[in-house]
Amino acid sequence: GVLQQADTPLNLYDRPANLFVAGFIGSPAMNLVAAHSKEGKAL
């Protein structure tokens, strides 16, 4: 019931506002990987 993001299709695909939009938009879906941030890198 809550609006997550409203944008052009390309902006939704290239710049999803949050994890839900990232995982919902795109077929197949975006790969979402748990990581830790350290010294400018994701581990």
PDB file of all heavy atoms in Angstrom:
ATOM      1  N   GLY A   1       0.776  -1.225   0.000  1.00  0.00           N
ATOM      2  CA  GLY A   1       0.000   0.000   0.000  1.00  0.00           C
ATOM      3  C   GLY A   1       0.810   1.279   0.000  1.00  0.00           C
ATOM      4  O   GLY A   1       0.245   2.373   0.028  1.00  0.00           O
ATOM      5  N   VAL A   2       2.135   1.152  -0.028  1.00  0.00           N
ATOM      6  CA  VAL A   2       3.005   2.333   0.038  1.00  0.00           C
ATOM      7  C   VAL A   2       3.756   2.487  -1.281  1.00  0.00           C
ATOM      8  O   VAL A   2       4.328   1.525  -1.797  1.00  0.00           O
ATOM      9  CB  VAL A   2       4.015   2.213   1.206  1.00  0.00           C
ATOM     10  CG1 VAL A   2       4.952   3.413   1.239  1.00  0.00           C
ATOM     11  CG2 VAL A   2       3.281   2.070   2.532  1.00  0.00           C
ATOM     12  N   LEU A   3       3.766   3.709  -1.822  1.00  0.00           N
ATOM     13  CA  LEU A   3       4.505   3.998  -3.051  1.00  0.00           C
ATOM     14  C   LEU A   3       6.005   3.940  -2.765  1.00  0.00           C
ATOM     15  O   LEU A   3       6.505   4.643  -1.894  1.00  0.00           O
ATOM     16  CB  LEU A   3       4.119   5.392  -3.570  1.00  0.00           C
ATOM     17  CG  LEU A   3       4.826   5.863  -4.847  1.00  0.00           C
ATOM     18  CD1 LEU A   3       4.455   4.999  -6.037  1.00  0.00           C
ATOM     19  CD2 LEU A   3       4.488   7.330  -5.138  1.00  0.00           C
ATOM     20  N   GLN A   4       6.713   3.097  -3.507  1.00  0.00           N
ATOM     21  CA  GLN A   4       8.158   2.938  -3.314  1.00  0.00           C
ATOM     22  C   GLN A   4       8.959   3.874  -4.214  1.00  0.00           C
ATOM     23  O   GLN A   4       9.947   4.462  -3.804  1.00  0.00           O
ATOM     24  CB  GLN A   4       8.567   1.482  -3.610  1.00  0.00           C
ATOM     25  CG  GLN A   4       7.838   0.443  -2.780  1.00  0.00           C
ATOM     26  CD  GLN A   4       8.181   0.542  -1.309  1.00  0.00           C
ATOM     27  OE1 GLN A   4       9.345   0.510  -0.927  1.00  0.00           O
ATOM     28  NE2 GLN A   4       7.164   0.649  -0.465  1.00  0.00           N
ATOM     29  N   GLN A   5       8.530   4.000  -5.483  1.00  0.00           N
ATOM     30  CA  GLN A   5       9.240   4.851  -6.441  1.00  0.00           C
ATOM     31  C   GLN A   5       8.355   5.052  -7.660  1.00  0.00           C
ATOM     32  O   GLN A   5       7.657   4.131  -8.090  1.00  0.00           O
ATOM     33  CB  GLN A   5      10.562   4.186  -6.862  1.00  0.00           C
ATOM     34  CG  GLN A   5      11.460   5.068  -7.736  1.00  0.00           C
ATOM     35  CD  GLN A   5      12.809   4.416  -8.032  1.00  0.00           C
ATOM     36  OE1 GLN A   5      13.092   3.314  -7.569  1.00  0.00           O
ATOM     37  NE2 GLN A   5      13.637   5.091  -8.812  1.00  0.00           N
ATOM     38  N   ALA A   6       8.357   6.249  -8.209  1.00  0.00           N
ATOM     39  CA  ALA A   6       7.656   6.547  -9.461  1.00  0.00           C
ATOM     40  C   ALA A   6       8.644   7.242 -10.376  1.00  0.00           C
ATOM     41  O   ALA A   6       9.150   8.318 -10.047  1.00  0.00           O
ATOM     42  CB  ALA A   6       6.431   7.425  -9.212  1.00  0.00           C
ATOM     43  N   ASP A   7       8.936   6.631 -11.512  1.00  0.00           N
ATOM     44  CA  ASP A   7       9.955   7.182 -12.405  1.00  0.00           C
ATOM     45  C   ASP A   7       9.788   6.572 -13.795  1.00  0.00           C
ATOM     46  O   ASP A   7       8.933   5.706 -14.007  1.00  0.00           O
ATOM     47  CB  ASP A   7      11.352   6.881 -11.859  1.00  0.00           C
ATOM     48  CG  ASP A   7      12.350   8.009 -12.170  1.00  0.00           C
ATOM     49  OD1 ASP A   7      12.202   8.661 -13.231  1.00  0.00           O
ATOM     50  OD2 ASP A   7      13.268   8.223 -11.357  1.00  0.00           O
ATOM     51  N   THR A   8      10.623   7.011 -14.726  1.00  0.00           N
ATOM     52  CA  THR A   8      10.600   6.415 -16.059  1.00  0.00           C
ATOM     53  C   THR A   8      11.088   4.967 -15.962  1.00  0.00           C
ATOM     54  O   THR A   8      11.846   4.627 -15.035  1.00  0.00           O
ATOM     55  CB  THR A   8      11.514   7.187 -17.030  1.00  0.00           C
ATOM     56  OG1 THR A   8      12.877   7.091 -16.554  1.00  0.00           O
ATOM     57  CG2 THR A   8      11.104   8.646 -17.134  1.00  0.00           C
ATOM     58  N   PRO A   9      10.690   4.099 -16.896  1.00  0.00           N
ATOM     59  CA  PRO A   9      11.141   2.704 -16.836  1.00  0.00           C
ATOM     60  C   PRO A   9      12.656   2.570 -16.767  1.00  0.00           C
ATOM     61  O   PRO A   9      13.179   1.774 -15.982  1.00  0.00           O
ATOM     62  CB  PRO A   9      10.583   2.108 -18.142  1.00  0.00           C
ATOM     63  CG  PRO A   9       9.370   2.915 -18.436  1.00  0.00           C
ATOM     64  CD  PRO A   9       9.706   4.310 -17.990  1.00  0.00           C
ATOM     65  N   LEU A  10      13.374   3.379 -17.544  1.00  0.00           N
ATOM     66  CA  LEU A  10      14.836   3.275 -17.569  1.00  0.00           C
ATOM     67  C   LEU A  10      15.456   3.692 -16.243  1.00  0.00           C
ATOM     68  O   LEU A  10      16.399   3.052 -15.751  1.00  0.00           O
ATOM     69  CB  LEU A  10      15.405   4.123 -18.718  1.00  0.00           C
ATOM     70  CG  LEU A  10      16.848   3.810 -19.131  1.00  0.00           C
ATOM     71  CD1 LEU A  10      16.992   2.347 -19.530  1.00  0.00           C
ATOM     72  CD2 LEU A  10      17.286   4.720 -20.269  1.00  0.00           C
ATOM     73  N   ASN A  11      14.932   4.766 -15.627  1.00  0.00           N
ATOM     74  CA  ASN A  11      15.457   5.205 -14.330  1.00  0.00           C
ATOM     75  C   ASN A  11      15.171   4.183 -13.229  1.00  0.00           C
ATOM     76  O   ASN A  11      15.990   3.990 -12.325  1.00  0.00           O
ATOM     77  CB  ASN A  11      14.877   6.565 -13.935  1.00  0.00           C
ATOM     78  CG  ASN A  11      15.558   7.706 -14.661  1.00  0.00           C
ATOM     79  OD1 ASN A  11      16.615   7.526 -15.258  1.00  0.00           O
ATOM     80  ND2 ASN A  11      14.952   8.879 -14.626  1.00  0.00           N
ATOM     81  N   LEU A  12      14.006   3.549 -13.300  1.00  0.00           N
ATOM     82  CA  LEU A  12      13.701   2.496 -12.327  1.00  0.00           C
ATOM     83  C   LEU A  12      14.703   1.355 -12.445  1.00  0.00           C
ATOM     84  O   LEU A  12      15.133   0.782 -11.446  1.00  0.00           O
ATOM     85  CB  LEU A  12      12.294   1.928 -12.573  1.00  0.00           C
ATOM     86  CG  LEU A  12      11.088   2.682 -12.026  1.00  0.00           C
ATOM     87  CD1 LEU A  12       9.821   1.942 -12.398  1.00  0.00           C
ATOM     88  CD2 LEU A  12      11.154   2.835 -10.521  1.00  0.00           C
ATOM     89  N   TYR A  13      15.058   1.038 -13.672  1.00  0.00           N
ATOM     90  CA  TYR A  13      15.984  -0.076 -13.924  1.00  0.00           C
ATOM     91  C   TYR A  13      17.407   0.301 -13.529  1.00  0.00           C
ATOM     92  O   TYR A  13      18.118  -0.493 -12.909  1.00  0.00           O
ATOM     93  CB  TYR A  13      15.931  -0.437 -15.413  1.00  0.00           C
ATOM     94  CG  TYR A  13      16.626  -1.733 -15.765  1.00  0.00           C
ATOM     95  CD1 TYR A  13      15.966  -2.954 -15.609  1.00  0.00           C
ATOM     96  CD2 TYR A  13      17.916  -1.749 -16.269  1.00  0.00           C
ATOM     97  CE1 TYR A  13      16.590  -4.153 -15.931  1.00  0.00           C
ATOM     98  CE2 TYR A  13      18.551  -2.940 -16.594  1.00  0.00           C
ATOM     99  CZ  TYR A  13      17.880  -4.139 -16.432  1.00  0.00           C
ATOM    100  OH  TYR A  13      18.509  -5.317 -16.749  1.00  0.00           O
ATOM    101  N   ASP A  14      17.817   1.530 -13.880  1.00  0.00           N
ATOM    102  CA  ASP A  14      19.204   1.952 -13.646  1.00  0.00           C
ATOM    103  C   ASP A  14      19.463   2.487 -12.244  1.00  0.00           C
ATOM    104  O   ASP A  14      20.592   2.399 -11.752  1.00  0.00           O
ATOM    105  CB  ASP A  14      19.597   3.041 -14.660  1.00  0.00           C
ATOM    106  CG  ASP A  14      19.782   2.493 -16.061  1.00  0.00           C
ATOM    107  OD1 ASP A  14      19.938   1.261 -16.194  1.00  0.00           O
ATOM    108  OD2 ASP A  14      19.756   3.284 -17.026  1.00  0.00           O
ATOM    109  N   ARG A  15      18.425   3.071 -11.614  1.00  0.00           N
ATOM    110  CA  ARG A  15      18.623   3.678 -10.288  1.00  0.00           C
ATOM    111  C   ARG A  15      17.460   3.338  -9.351  1.00  0.00           C
ATOM    112  O   ARG A  15      16.707   4.225  -8.933  1.00  0.00           O
ATOM    113  CB  ARG A  15      18.744   5.194 -10.409  1.00  0.00           C
ATOM    114  CG  ARG A  15      20.042   5.665 -11.070  1.00  0.00           C
ATOM    115  CD  ARG A  15      20.108   7.198 -11.104  1.00  0.00           C
ATOM    116  NE  ARG A  15      19.864   7.796  -9.805  1.00  0.00           N
ATOM    117  CZ  ARG A  15      20.761   7.869  -8.825  1.00  0.00           C
ATOM    118  NH1 ARG A  15      21.962   7.366  -9.006  1.00  0.00           N
ATOM    119  NH2 ARG A  15      20.465   8.437  -7.683  1.00  0.00           N
ATOM    120  N   PRO A  16      17.285   2.045  -9.032  1.00  0.00           N
ATOM    121  CA  PRO A  16      16.201   1.692  -8.096  1.00  0.00           C
ATOM    122  C   PRO A  16      16.424   2.361  -6.745  1.00  0.00           C
ATOM    123  O   PRO A  16      17.547   2.414  -6.243  1.00  0.00           O
ATOM    124  CB  PRO A  16      16.311   0.164  -7.994  1.00  0.00           C
ATOM    125  CG  PRO A  16      17.688  -0.177  -8.459  1.00  0.00           C
ATOM    126  CD  PRO A  16      18.073   0.872  -9.449  1.00  0.00           C
ATOM    127  N   ALA A  17      15.346   2.885  -6.167  1.00  0.00           N
ATOM    128  CA  ALA A  17      15.454   3.686  -4.937  1.00  0.00           C
ATOM    129  C   ALA A  17      15.714   2.843  -3.705  1.00  0.00           C
ATOM    130  O   ALA A  17      16.231   3.343  -2.707  1.00  0.00           O
ATOM    131  CB  ALA A  17      14.172   4.494  -4.734  1.00  0.00           C
ATOM    132  N   ASN A  18      15.340   1.566  -3.745  1.00  0.00           N
ATOM    133  CA  ASN A  18      15.545   0.708  -2.572  1.00  0.00           C
ATOM    134  C   ASN A  18      15.637  -0.755  -2.990  1.00  0.00           C
ATOM    135  O   ASN A  18      15.498  -1.093  -4.176  1.00  0.00           O
ATOM    136  CB  ASN A  18      14.430   0.927  -1.534  1.00  0.00           C
ATOM    137  CG  ASN A  18      13.043   0.701  -2.107  1.00  0.00           C
ATOM    138  OD1 ASN A  18      12.823  -0.232  -2.875  1.00  0.00           O
ATOM    139  ND2 ASN A  18      12.095   1.544  -1.725  1.00  0.00           N
ATOM    140  N   LEU A  19      15.868  -1.607  -2.021  1.00  0.00           N
ATOM    141  CA  LEU A  19      16.056  -3.035  -2.281  1.00  0.00           C
ATOM    142  C   LEU A  19      14.834  -3.678  -2.920  1.00  0.00           C
ATOM    143  O   LEU A  19      14.959  -4.537  -3.799  1.00  0.00           O
ATOM    144  CB  LEU A  19      16.372  -3.770  -0.968  1.00  0.00           C
ATOM    145  CG  LEU A  19      17.837  -3.897  -0.575  1.00  0.00           C
ATOM    146  CD1 LEU A  19      17.948  -4.473   0.828  1.00  0.00           C
ATOM    147  CD2 LEU A  19      18.582  -4.766  -1.572  1.00  0.00           C
ATOM    148  N   PHE A  20      13.630  -3.260  -2.498  1.00  0.00           N
ATOM    149  CA  PHE A  20      12.421  -3.871  -3.062  1.00  0.00           C
ATOM    150  C   PHE A  20      12.311  -3.593  -4.560  1.00  0.00           C
ATOM    151  O   PHE A  20      12.067  -4.501  -5.349  1.00  0.00           O
ATOM    152  CB  PHE A  20      11.165  -3.370  -2.340  1.00  0.00           C
ATOM    153  CG  PHE A  20       9.905  -3.895  -2.979  1.00  0.00           C
ATOM    154  CD1 PHE A  20       9.499  -5.197  -2.746  1.00  0.00           C
ATOM    155  CD2 PHE A  20       9.165  -3.097  -3.839  1.00  0.00           C
ATOM    156  CE1 PHE A  20       8.356  -5.701  -3.361  1.00  0.00           C
ATOM    157  CE2 PHE A  20       8.025  -3.592  -4.453  1.00  0.00           C
ATOM    158  CZ  PHE A  20       7.609  -4.897  -4.213  1.00  0.00           C
ATOM    159  N   VAL A  21      12.489  -2.331  -4.945  1.00  0.00           N
ATOM    160  CA  VAL A  21      12.391  -1.966  -6.366  1.00  0.00           C
ATOM    161  C   VAL A  21      13.481  -2.677  -7.164  1.00  0.00           C
ATOM    162  O   VAL A  21      13.244  -3.170  -8.274  1.00  0.00           O
ATOM    163  CB  VAL A  21      12.486  -0.437  -6.555  1.00  0.00           C
ATOM    164  CG1 VAL A  21      12.447  -0.065  -8.030  1.00  0.00           C
ATOM    165  CG2 VAL A  21      11.344   0.268  -5.816  1.00  0.00           C
ATOM    166  N   ALA A  22      14.680  -2.748  -6.595  1.00  0.00           N
ATOM    167  CA  ALA A  22      15.803  -3.416  -7.273  1.00  0.00           C
ATOM    168  C   ALA A  22      15.478  -4.870  -7.571  1.00  0.00           C
ATOM    169  O   ALA A  22      15.753  -5.376  -8.667  1.00  0.00           O
ATOM    170  CB  ALA A  22      17.060  -3.321  -6.404  1.00  0.00           C
ATOM    171  N   GLY A  23      14.866  -5.554  -6.601  1.00  0.00           N
ATOM    172  CA  GLY A  23      14.552  -6.959  -6.781  1.00  0.00           C
ATOM    173  C   GLY A  23      13.319  -7.200  -7.616  1.00  0.00           C
ATOM    174  O   GLY A  23      13.174  -8.263  -8.227  1.00  0.00           O
ATOM    175  N   PHE A  24      12.417  -6.202  -7.673  1.00  0.00           N
ATOM    176  CA  PHE A  24      11.148  -6.389  -8.391  1.00  0.00           C
ATOM    177  C   PHE A  24      11.271  -6.056  -9.872  1.00  0.00           C
ATOM    178  O   PHE A  24      10.696  -6.729 -10.723  1.00  0.00           O
ATOM    179  CB  PHE A  24      10.051  -5.527  -7.746  1.00  0.00           C
ATOM    180  CG  PHE A  24       8.686  -5.802  -8.318  1.00  0.00           C
ATOM    181  CD1 PHE A  24       7.965  -6.910  -7.900  1.00  0.00           C
ATOM    182  CD2 PHE A  24       8.133  -4.962  -9.274  1.00  0.00           C
ATOM    183  CE1 PHE A  24       6.714  -7.183  -8.445  1.00  0.00           C
ATOM    184  CE2 PHE A  24       6.891  -5.220  -9.814  1.00  0.00           C
ATOM    185  CZ  PHE A  24       6.172  -6.337  -9.402  1.00  0.00           C
ATOM    186  N   ILE A  25      12.003  -5.002 -10.189  1.00  0.00           N
ATOM    187  CA  ILE A  25      12.111  -4.547 -11.576  1.00  0.00           C
ATOM    188  C   ILE A  25      13.276  -5.245 -12.266  1.00  0.00           C
ATOM    189  O   ILE A  25      14.409  -5.192 -11.810  1.00  0.00           O
ATOM    190  CB  ILE A  25      12.293  -3.011 -11.649  1.00  0.00           C
ATOM    191  CG1 ILE A  25      11.053  -2.299 -11.087  1.00  0.00           C
ATOM    192  CG2 ILE A  25      12.582  -2.557 -13.066  1.00  0.00           C
ATOM    193  CD1 ILE A  25       9.786  -2.480 -11.879  1.00  0.00           C
ATOM    194  N   GLY A  26      12.995  -5.873 -13.387  1.00  0.00           N
ATOM    195  CA  GLY A  26      14.023  -6.582 -14.137  1.00  0.00           C
ATOM    196  C   GLY A  26      13.673  -8.043 -14.272  1.00  0.00           C
ATOM    197  O   GLY A  26      13.188  -8.664 -13.324  1.00  0.00           O
ATOM    198  N   SER A  27      13.879  -8.606 -15.454  1.00  0.00           N
ATOM    199  CA  SER A  27      13.599 -10.022 -15.684  1.00  0.00           C
ATOM    200  C   SER A  27      14.688 -10.627 -16.559  1.00  0.00           C
ATOM    201  O   SER A  27      14.823 -10.220 -17.714  1.00  0.00           O
ATOM    202  CB  SER A  27      12.234 -10.187 -16.356  1.00  0.00           C
ATOM    203  OG  SER A  27      11.917 -11.537 -16.555  1.00  0.00           O
ATOM    204  N   PRO A  28      15.495 -11.559 -16.014  1.00  0.00           N
ATOM    205  CA  PRO A  28      15.516 -12.058 -14.643  1.00  0.00           C
ATOM    206  C   PRO A  28      15.867 -10.939 -13.651  1.00  0.00           C
ATOM    207  O   PRO A  28      16.391  -9.903 -14.037  1.00  0.00           O
ATOM    208  CB  PRO A  28      16.622 -13.123 -14.669  1.00  0.00           C
ATOM    209  CG  PRO A  28      16.841 -13.464 -16.091  1.00  0.00           C
ATOM    210  CD  PRO A  28      16.517 -12.218 -16.854  1.00  0.00           C
ATOM    211  N   ALA A  29      15.589 -11.211 -12.387  1.00  0.00           N
ATOM    212  CA  ALA A  29      15.777 -10.201 -11.352  1.00  0.00           C
ATOM    213  C   ALA A  29      17.255  -9.904 -11.118  1.00  0.00           C
ATOM    214  O   ALA A  29      18.134 -10.699 -11.453  1.00  0.00           O
ATOM    215  CB  ALA A  29      15.130 -10.670 -10.049  1.00  0.00           C
ATOM    216  N   MET A  30      17.503  -8.732 -10.531  1.00  0.00           N
ATOM    217  CA  MET A  30      18.860  -8.353 -10.136  1.00  0.00           C
ATOM    218  C   MET A  30      19.413  -9.353  -9.119  1.00  0.00           C
ATOM    219  O   MET A  30      18.689  -9.856  -8.270  1.00  0.00           O
ATOM    220  CB  MET A  30      18.820  -6.946  -9.519  1.00  0.00           C
ATOM    221  CG  MET A  30      20.186  -6.404  -9.120  1.00  0.00           C
ATOM    222  SD  MET A  30      20.045  -4.818  -8.233  1.00  0.00           S
ATOM    223  CE  MET A  30      19.658  -3.680  -9.542  1.00  0.00           C
ATOM    224  N   ASN A  31      20.716  -9.663  -9.229  1.00  0.00           N
ATOM    225  CA  ASN A  31      21.394 -10.474  -8.222  1.00  0.00           C
ATOM    226  C   ASN A  31      21.644  -9.585  -7.001  1.00  0.00           C
ATOM    227  O   ASN A  31      22.296  -8.549  -7.108  1.00  0.00           O
ATOM    228  CB  ASN A  31      22.739 -10.972  -8.759  1.00  0.00           C
ATOM    229  CG  ASN A  31      22.589 -11.894  -9.951  1.00  0.00           C
ATOM    230  OD1 ASN A  31      22.265 -13.061  -9.801  1.00  0.00           O
ATOM    231  ND2 ASN A  31      22.817 -11.354 -11.157  1.00  0.00           N
ATOM    232  N   LEU A  32      21.123  -9.973  -5.852  1.00  0.00           N
ATOM    233  CA  LEU A  32      21.300  -9.208  -4.613  1.00  0.00           C
ATOM    234  C   LEU A  32      22.146 -10.037  -3.648  1.00  0.00           C
ATOM    235  O   LEU A  32      21.753 -11.152  -3.253  1.00  0.00           O
ATOM    236  CB  LEU A  32      19.946  -8.865  -3.993  1.00  0.00           C
ATOM    237  CG  LEU A  32      19.068  -7.921  -4.839  1.00  0.00           C
ATOM    238  CD1 LEU A  32      17.672  -7.817  -4.258  1.00  0.00           C
ATOM    239  CD2 LEU A  32      19.705  -6.548  -4.969  1.00  0.00           C
ATOM    240  N   VAL A  33      23.310  -9.497  -3.289  1.00  0.00           N
ATOM    241  CA  VAL A  33      24.310 -10.246  -2.538  1.00  0.00           C
ATOM    242  C   VAL A  33      24.655  -9.514  -1.241  1.00  0.00           C
ATOM    243  O   VAL A  33      24.966  -8.316  -1.259  1.00  0.00           O
ATOM    244  CB  VAL A  33      25.591 -10.425  -3.393  1.00  0.00           C
ATOM    245  CG1 VAL A  33      26.603 -11.289  -2.662  1.00  0.00           C
ATOM    246  CG2 VAL A  33      25.269 -11.017  -4.761  1.00  0.00           C
ATOM    247  N   ALA A  34      24.605 -10.233  -0.120  1.00  0.00           N
ATOM    248  CA  ALA A  34      24.980  -9.644   1.178  1.00  0.00           C
ATOM    249  C   ALA A  34      26.486  -9.412   1.214  1.00  0.00           C
ATOM    250  O   ALA A  34      27.267 -10.249   0.778  1.00  0.00           O
ATOM    251  CB  ALA A  34      24.560 -10.575   2.300  1.00  0.00           C
ATOM    252  N   ALA A  35      26.897  -8.244   1.732  1.00  0.00           N
ATOM    253  CA  ALA A  35      28.332  -7.905   1.742  1.00  0.00           C
ATOM    254  C   ALA A  35      28.654  -7.015   2.938  1.00  0.00           C
ATOM    255  O   ALA A  35      27.761  -6.574   3.672  1.00  0.00           O
ATOM    256  CB  ALA A  35      28.707  -7.201   0.439  1.00  0.00           C
ATOM    257  N   HIS A  36      29.944  -6.763   3.127  1.00  0.00           N
ATOM    258  CA  HIS A  36      30.414  -5.827   4.147  1.00  0.00           C
ATOM    259  C   HIS A  36      31.245  -4.756   3.453  1.00  0.00           C
ATOM    260  O   HIS A  36      32.002  -5.038   2.535  1.00  0.00           O
ATOM    261  CB  HIS A  36      31.274  -6.542   5.198  1.00  0.00           C
ATOM    262  CG  HIS A  36      30.523  -7.553   5.989  1.00  0.00           C
ATOM    263  ND1 HIS A  36      29.654  -7.211   6.996  1.00  0.00           N
ATOM    264  CD2 HIS A  36      30.494  -8.905   5.908  1.00  0.00           C
ATOM    265  CE1 HIS A  36      29.119  -8.301   7.507  1.00  0.00           C
ATOM    266  NE2 HIS A  36      29.616  -9.348   6.858  1.00  0.00           N
ATOM    267  N   SER A  37      31.089  -3.520   3.911  1.00  0.00           N
ATOM    268  CA  SER A  37      31.845  -2.414   3.331  1.00  0.00           C
ATOM    269  C   SER A  37      33.170  -2.250   4.069  1.00  0.00           C
ATOM    270  O   SER A  37      33.211  -2.217   5.301  1.00  0.00           O
ATOM    271  CB  SER A  37      31.022  -1.122   3.440  1.00  0.00           C
ATOM    272  OG  SER A  37      31.745  -0.036   2.934  1.00  0.00           O
ATOM    273  N   LYS A  38      34.259  -2.173   3.285  1.00  0.00           N
ATOM    274  CA  LYS A  38      35.575  -2.004   3.902  1.00  0.00           C
ATOM    275  C   LYS A  38      36.511  -1.306   2.928  1.00  0.00           C
ATOM    276  O   LYS A  38      36.757  -1.780   1.823  1.00  0.00           O
ATOM    277  CB  LYS A  38      36.162  -3.369   4.292  1.00  0.00           C
ATOM    278  CG  LYS A  38      37.475  -3.264   5.059  1.00  0.00           C
ATOM    279  CD  LYS A  38      37.992  -4.647   5.428  1.00  0.00           C
ATOM    280  CE  LYS A  38      39.310  -4.535   6.185  1.00  0.00           C
ATOM    281  NZ  LYS A  38      39.884  -5.860   6.494  1.00  0.00           N
ATOM    282  N   GLU A  39      37.009  -0.112   3.339  1.00  0.00           N
ATOM    283  CA  GLU A  39      38.011   0.639   2.576  1.00  0.00           C
ATOM    284  C   GLU A  39      37.600   0.829   1.108  1.00  0.00           C
ATOM    285  O   GLU A  39      38.385   0.584   0.182  1.00  0.00           O
ATOM    286  CB  GLU A  39      39.372  -0.068   2.656  1.00  0.00           C
ATOM    287  CG  GLU A  39      39.924  -0.119   4.068  1.00  0.00           C
ATOM    288  CD  GLU A  39      41.188  -0.966   4.166  1.00  0.00           C
ATOM    289  OE1 GLU A  39      41.622  -1.501   3.136  1.00  0.00           O
ATOM    290  OE2 GLU A  39      41.712  -1.089   5.286  1.00  0.00           O
ATOM    291  N   GLY A  40      36.364   1.273   0.921  1.00  0.00           N
ATOM    292  CA  GLY A  40      35.908   1.597  -0.437  1.00  0.00           C
ATOM    293  C   GLY A  40      35.560   0.409  -1.293  1.00  0.00           C
ATOM    294  O   GLY A  40      35.351   0.539  -2.499  1.00  0.00           O
ATOM    295  N   LYS A  41      35.514  -0.769  -0.678  1.00  0.00           N
ATOM    296  CA  LYS A  41      35.159  -1.982  -1.421  1.00  0.00           C
ATOM    297  C   LYS A  41      34.059  -2.731  -0.681  1.00  0.00           C
ATOM    298  O   LYS A  41      33.860  -2.558   0.522  1.00  0.00           O
ATOM    299  CB  LYS A  41      36.387  -2.891  -1.604  1.00  0.00           C
ATOM    300  CG  LYS A  41      37.460  -2.332  -2.521  1.00  0.00           C
ATOM    301  CD  LYS A  41      38.582  -3.338  -2.714  1.00  0.00           C
ATOM    302  CE  LYS A  41      39.569  -2.889  -3.778  1.00  0.00           C
ATOM    303  NZ  LYS A  41      40.243  -1.646  -3.456  1.00  0.00           N
ATOM    304  N   ALA A  42      33.339  -3.567  -1.425  1.00  0.00           N
ATOM    305  CA  ALA A  42      32.368  -4.465  -0.819  1.00  0.00           C
ATOM    306  C   ALA A  42      32.991  -5.851  -0.761  1.00  0.00           C
ATOM    307  O   ALA A  42      33.474  -6.356  -1.773  1.00  0.00           O
ATOM    308  CB  ALA A  42      31.089  -4.500  -1.651  1.00  0.00           C
ATOM    309  N   LEU A  43      32.983  -6.444   0.404  1.00  0.00           N
ATOM    310  CA  LEU A  43      33.553  -7.784   0.575  1.00  0.00           C
ATOM    311  C   LEU A  43      32.434  -8.819   0.582  1.00  0.00           C
ATOM    312  O   LEU A  43      31.551  -8.806   1.444  1.00  0.00           O
ATOM    313  CB  LEU A  43      34.339  -7.869   1.879  1.00  0.00           C
ATOM    314  CG  LEU A  43      35.623  -7.030   1.975  1.00  0.00           C
ATOM    315  CD1 LEU A  43      36.281  -7.241   3.334  1.00  0.00           C
ATOM    316  CD2 LEU A  43      36.595  -7.412   0.865  1.00  0.00           C
TER     317      LEU A  43
END
